[in-house]
Every structure is written in structure tokens, then in C-alpha cells.
């Protein structure tokens, strides 16, 4: 399973990456603090799940999710944010999940157990 993590705050990104790796130790987990770098990865190498912070400098997580969904409509998007007001936008996008910060391994495990779409990559 290939899992991407995106947050422009280093501490939040490290915490998210650590939680995902604890829940899925055999997964290929890649962490990004730049939206453009993350967007290049699934086009070149595929992706099953993307954990995206919503509130970021530049392109926000909802915009990133729209771009990811253009190339793979069945990609599982799980939004991670400290702001509850984005929940409606996330659900409009048919997101697989929504986690409020601070992230915990229990929340990550729950979201990964209840993915909307089956695995799409060969990882």
C-alpha cells in the first residue's frame, strides 16, 4: 500500500507520518511539505491513500485533492485539519475520511480500516 502525507507544518507532518507508519508498518509512506512535490508522486508512481492538511499556504488541501482526483478518481483522500469548517467541503469531494488535529494512531487506524475505495496500486 502506498500512502502520501501532506502538511506544510513540519511538526504536524512528522506526527502524521509517525502515526501512519505505526498503523501500517509495511506500507510505503511518503511525507511532503510542498503541494507540488506531492502532486508529482502519484502521477509517476501511483497511490492508494493521501492524507492532506486542508489549511496550508498556497494551494489548500481541497484544491490538492481535486487535482489528485482528476488523475485518479478512486484515490482515497483523508483530510487532516484543525478547522472543522472544512468538513462540508471534504464531504462534497467524497473524501474517504476527516481527522481533526492533533492526529492519533487510533484515528488513522479507523480511517484506514474504512477506506472508500479498494487498493489501486500494485505496491
Protein backbone atom coordinates (compact mmCIF):
# COMPACT_ATOMS: atom_id res chain seq x y z
CA UNK A 1 0.00 0.00 0.00
CA UNK A 2 1.29 3.45 -0.88
CA UNK A 3 0.30 6.33 1.40
CA UNK A 4 1.12 10.01 0.92
CA UNK A 5 1.08 12.60 3.73
CA UNK A 6 0.95 16.36 3.16
CA UNK A 7 1.26 19.18 5.69
CA UNK A 8 3.20 22.43 5.41
CA UNK A 9 3.92 22.45 9.17
CA UNK A 10 6.92 20.19 9.88
CA UNK A 11 5.87 19.07 13.37
CA UNK A 12 2.35 18.19 12.23
CA UNK A 13 3.77 16.34 9.21
CA UNK A 14 6.16 14.33 11.38
CA UNK A 15 3.34 13.39 13.75
CA UNK A 16 1.08 12.32 10.88
CA UNK A 17 3.83 10.29 9.23
CA UNK A 18 4.70 8.59 12.53
CA UNK A 19 1.05 7.65 13.18
CA UNK A 20 0.59 6.24 9.66
CA UNK A 21 3.81 4.20 9.92
CA UNK A 22 2.73 2.81 13.30
CA UNK A 23 -0.63 1.73 11.88
CA UNK A 24 0.73 0.42 8.56
CA UNK A 25 4.39 -0.55 9.11
CA UNK A 26 4.58 -2.43 5.79
CA UNK A 27 3.18 0.46 3.73
CA UNK A 28 5.25 2.74 1.55
CA UNK A 29 4.68 6.06 3.39
CA UNK A 30 5.96 9.29 1.83
CA UNK A 31 5.74 12.68 3.56
CA UNK A 32 5.62 16.03 1.75
CA UNK A 33 5.60 19.63 2.94
CA UNK A 34 5.10 21.01 -0.57
CA UNK A 35 1.91 20.53 -2.59
CA UNK A 36 3.61 20.44 -6.00
CA UNK A 37 6.05 17.73 -4.90
CA UNK A 38 3.18 15.60 -3.65
CA UNK A 39 1.20 16.07 -6.88
CA UNK A 40 4.08 14.70 -8.95
CA UNK A 41 4.35 11.45 -6.96
CA UNK A 42 1.04 9.67 -7.74
CA UNK A 43 1.24 10.53 -11.43
CA UNK A 44 4.63 8.84 -11.65
CA UNK A 45 4.25 6.01 -9.13
CA UNK A 46 0.58 5.62 -8.17
CA UNK A 47 -1.01 5.98 -4.74
CA UNK A 48 -3.69 4.32 -2.62
CA UNK A 49 -4.29 6.93 0.10
CA UNK A 50 -3.44 10.60 0.59
CA UNK A 51 -3.65 12.29 3.99
CA UNK A 52 -3.95 16.01 3.23
CA UNK A 53 -3.86 19.01 5.52
CA UNK A 54 -6.54 21.43 4.38
CA UNK A 55 -5.28 24.78 5.66
CA UNK A 56 -1.90 25.47 4.04
CA UNK A 57 -0.04 28.34 2.44
CA UNK A 58 -0.58 28.45 -1.31
CA UNK A 59 -2.81 25.69 -2.64
CA UNK A 60 -5.08 24.33 0.11
CA UNK A 61 -5.76 20.65 0.67
CA UNK A 62 -9.15 20.72 -1.05
CA UNK A 63 -7.51 22.07 -4.23
CA UNK A 64 -4.80 19.39 -3.97
CA UNK A 65 -7.49 16.72 -3.58
CA UNK A 66 -9.31 17.96 -6.69
CA UNK A 67 -6.12 17.66 -8.71
CA UNK A 68 -5.39 14.19 -7.34
CA UNK A 69 -8.93 13.07 -8.15
CA UNK A 70 -8.56 14.28 -11.75
CA UNK A 71 -5.79 11.76 -12.35
CA UNK A 72 -7.28 9.01 -10.15
CA UNK A 73 -10.97 9.38 -9.23
CA UNK A 74 -10.73 6.35 -6.91
CA UNK A 75 -7.88 7.66 -4.78
CA UNK A 76 -8.72 7.64 -1.08
CA UNK A 77 -8.41 11.16 0.33
CA UNK A 78 -8.36 11.66 4.09
CA UNK A 79 -8.35 15.28 5.19
CA UNK A 80 -6.40 16.26 8.30
CA UNK A 81 -7.09 19.68 9.78
CA UNK A 82 -7.50 21.77 12.88
CA UNK A 83 -10.54 23.52 11.38
CA UNK A 84 -13.99 21.91 11.48
CA UNK A 85 -15.49 24.37 9.00
CA UNK A 86 -13.94 22.45 6.08
CA UNK A 87 -15.89 19.26 6.77
CA UNK A 88 -18.65 20.13 4.28
CA UNK A 89 -16.07 20.75 1.53
CA UNK A 90 -14.42 17.43 2.33
CA UNK A 91 -17.69 15.54 2.16
CA UNK A 92 -18.65 17.27 -1.10
CA UNK A 93 -15.43 15.83 -2.53
CA UNK A 94 -16.50 12.36 -1.39
CA UNK A 95 -13.44 12.14 0.83
CA UNK A 96 -12.68 8.81 2.46
CA UNK A 97 -12.21 10.45 5.85
CA UNK A 98 -11.65 13.51 8.00
CA UNK A 99 -9.35 13.75 11.04
CA UNK A 100 -9.14 16.69 13.41
CA UNK A 101 -5.66 17.62 14.65
CA UNK A 102 -3.84 16.57 16.71
CA UNK A 103 -3.68 13.25 14.85
CA UNK A 104 -3.67 9.99 16.80
CA UNK A 105 -2.82 6.45 15.73
CA UNK A 106 -6.36 5.39 16.69
CA UNK A 107 -7.91 7.88 14.27
CA UNK A 108 -5.50 6.94 11.48
CA UNK A 109 -6.26 3.24 12.05
CA UNK A 110 -10.01 3.86 11.95
CA UNK A 111 -9.80 5.84 8.72
CA UNK A 112 -7.55 3.27 7.03
CA UNK A 113 -9.94 0.47 8.04
CA UNK A 114 -12.88 2.28 6.46
CA UNK A 115 -11.47 3.39 3.11
CA UNK A 116 -14.00 4.26 0.43
CA UNK A 117 -12.09 2.59 -2.42
CA UNK A 118 -10.10 -0.62 -2.60
CA UNK A 119 -6.37 -0.53 -3.19
CA UNK A 120 -5.46 0.68 -6.70
CA UNK A 121 -1.66 0.43 -6.92
CA UNK A 122 0.48 -2.64 -7.23
CA UNK A 123 2.56 -1.67 -4.14
